[in-house]
Amino acid sequence: MLGLPDGHVTGVPGLSRAAQLKALGNGVVPQQAAAGLRLLLDRLDASLAA
């Protein structure tokens, strides 16, 4: 869900796991919000079509 290429954070030499997580921060939030919005809109479309 991050939308980042493989190794974007994990491929940095010498970066600890804690530092990787800190670097990512809340980066996943926009993708999760978009997925949730798509799900809700699909459900709305289905209820209007019924």
C-alpha atoms as a PDB file:
ATOM      1  CA  MET A   1       0.000   0.000   0.000  1.00  0.00           C
ATOM      2  CA  LEU A   2       2.916   2.337   0.365  1.00  0.00           C
ATOM      3  CA  GLY A   3       3.188   2.859  -3.354  1.00  0.00           C
ATOM      4  CA  LEU A   4       6.977   2.947  -3.137  1.00  0.00           C
ATOM      5  CA  PRO A   5       9.373   0.881  -5.241  1.00  0.00           C
ATOM      6  CA  ASP A   6      11.040  -2.142  -3.610  1.00  0.00           C
ATOM      7  CA  GLY A   7      14.055  -1.124  -1.547  1.00  0.00           C
ATOM      8  CA  HIS A   8      13.058   2.552  -1.355  1.00  0.00           C
ATOM      9  CA  VAL A   9      13.792   2.575   2.374  1.00  0.00           C
ATOM     10  CA  THR A  10      15.042  -0.941   3.055  1.00  0.00           C
ATOM     11  CA  GLY A  11      17.782  -0.683   0.419  1.00  0.00           C
ATOM     12  CA  VAL A  12      19.628   2.103   2.266  1.00  0.00           C
ATOM     13  CA  PRO A  13      22.860   0.644   3.678  1.00  0.00           C
ATOM     14  CA  GLY A  14      23.300   1.024   7.447  1.00  0.00           C
ATOM     15  CA  LEU A  15      19.725   2.181   8.133  1.00  0.00           C
ATOM     16  CA  SER A  16      18.301   0.393  11.194  1.00  0.00           C
ATOM     17  CA  ARG A  17      14.757  -0.984  11.277  1.00  0.00           C
ATOM     18  CA  ALA A  18      13.721   1.809  13.654  1.00  0.00           C
ATOM     19  CA  ALA A  19      15.215   4.425  11.321  1.00  0.00           C
ATOM     20  CA  GLN A  20      13.413   2.847   8.340  1.00  0.00           C
ATOM     21  CA  LEU A  21      10.065   3.057  10.131  1.00  0.00           C
ATOM     22  CA  LYS A  22      10.756   6.643  11.168  1.00  0.00           C
ATOM     23  CA  ALA A  23      11.646   7.569   7.573  1.00  0.00           C
ATOM     24  CA  LEU A  24       8.354   6.110   6.345  1.00  0.00           C
ATOM     25  CA  GLY A  25       6.355   7.947   8.995  1.00  0.00           C
ATOM     26  CA  ASN A  26       2.729   8.362   7.930  1.00  0.00           C
ATOM     27  CA  GLY A  27       3.500   7.831   4.253  1.00  0.00           C
ATOM     28  CA  VAL A  28       0.966   5.024   3.993  1.00  0.00           C
ATOM     29  CA  VAL A  29      -1.978   7.183   5.040  1.00  0.00           C
ATOM     30  CA  PRO A  30      -2.832   8.769   1.635  1.00  0.00           C
ATOM     31  CA  GLN A  31      -2.962   5.380  -0.094  1.00  0.00           C
ATOM     32  CA  GLN A  32      -5.148   3.914   2.658  1.00  0.00           C
ATOM     33  CA  ALA A  33      -7.509   6.886   2.433  1.00  0.00           C
ATOM     34  CA  ALA A  34      -7.752   6.496  -1.351  1.00  0.00           C
ATOM     35  CA  ALA A  35      -8.496   2.773  -1.021  1.00  0.00           C
ATOM     36  CA  GLY A  36     -11.177   3.462   1.591  1.00  0.00           C
ATOM     37  CA  LEU A  37     -12.771   6.154  -0.540  1.00  0.00           C
ATOM     38  CA  ARG A  38     -12.862   3.840  -3.577  1.00  0.00           C
ATOM     39  CA  LEU A  39     -14.525   1.153  -1.451  1.00  0.00           C
ATOM     40  CA  LEU A  40     -17.158   3.567  -0.138  1.00  0.00           C
ATOM     41  CA  LEU A  41     -17.885   4.971  -3.605  1.00  0.00           C
ATOM     42  CA  ASP A  42     -18.268   1.436  -4.995  1.00  0.00           C
ATOM     43  CA  ARG A  43     -20.766   0.652  -2.238  1.00  0.00           C
ATOM     44  CA  LEU A  44     -22.644   3.886  -2.923  1.00  0.00           C
ATOM     45  CA  ASP A  45     -22.830   3.088  -6.643  1.00  0.00           C
ATOM     46  CA  ALA A  46     -24.130  -0.401  -5.842  1.00  0.00           C
ATOM     47  CA  SER A  47     -26.816   0.925  -3.504  1.00  0.00           C
ATOM     48  CA  LEU A  48     -27.973   3.523  -6.035  1.00  0.00           C
ATOM     49  CA  ALA A  49     -28.174   0.920  -8.796  1.00  0.00           C
ATOM     50  CA  ALA A  50     -30.354  -1.394  -6.694  1.00  0.00           C
END
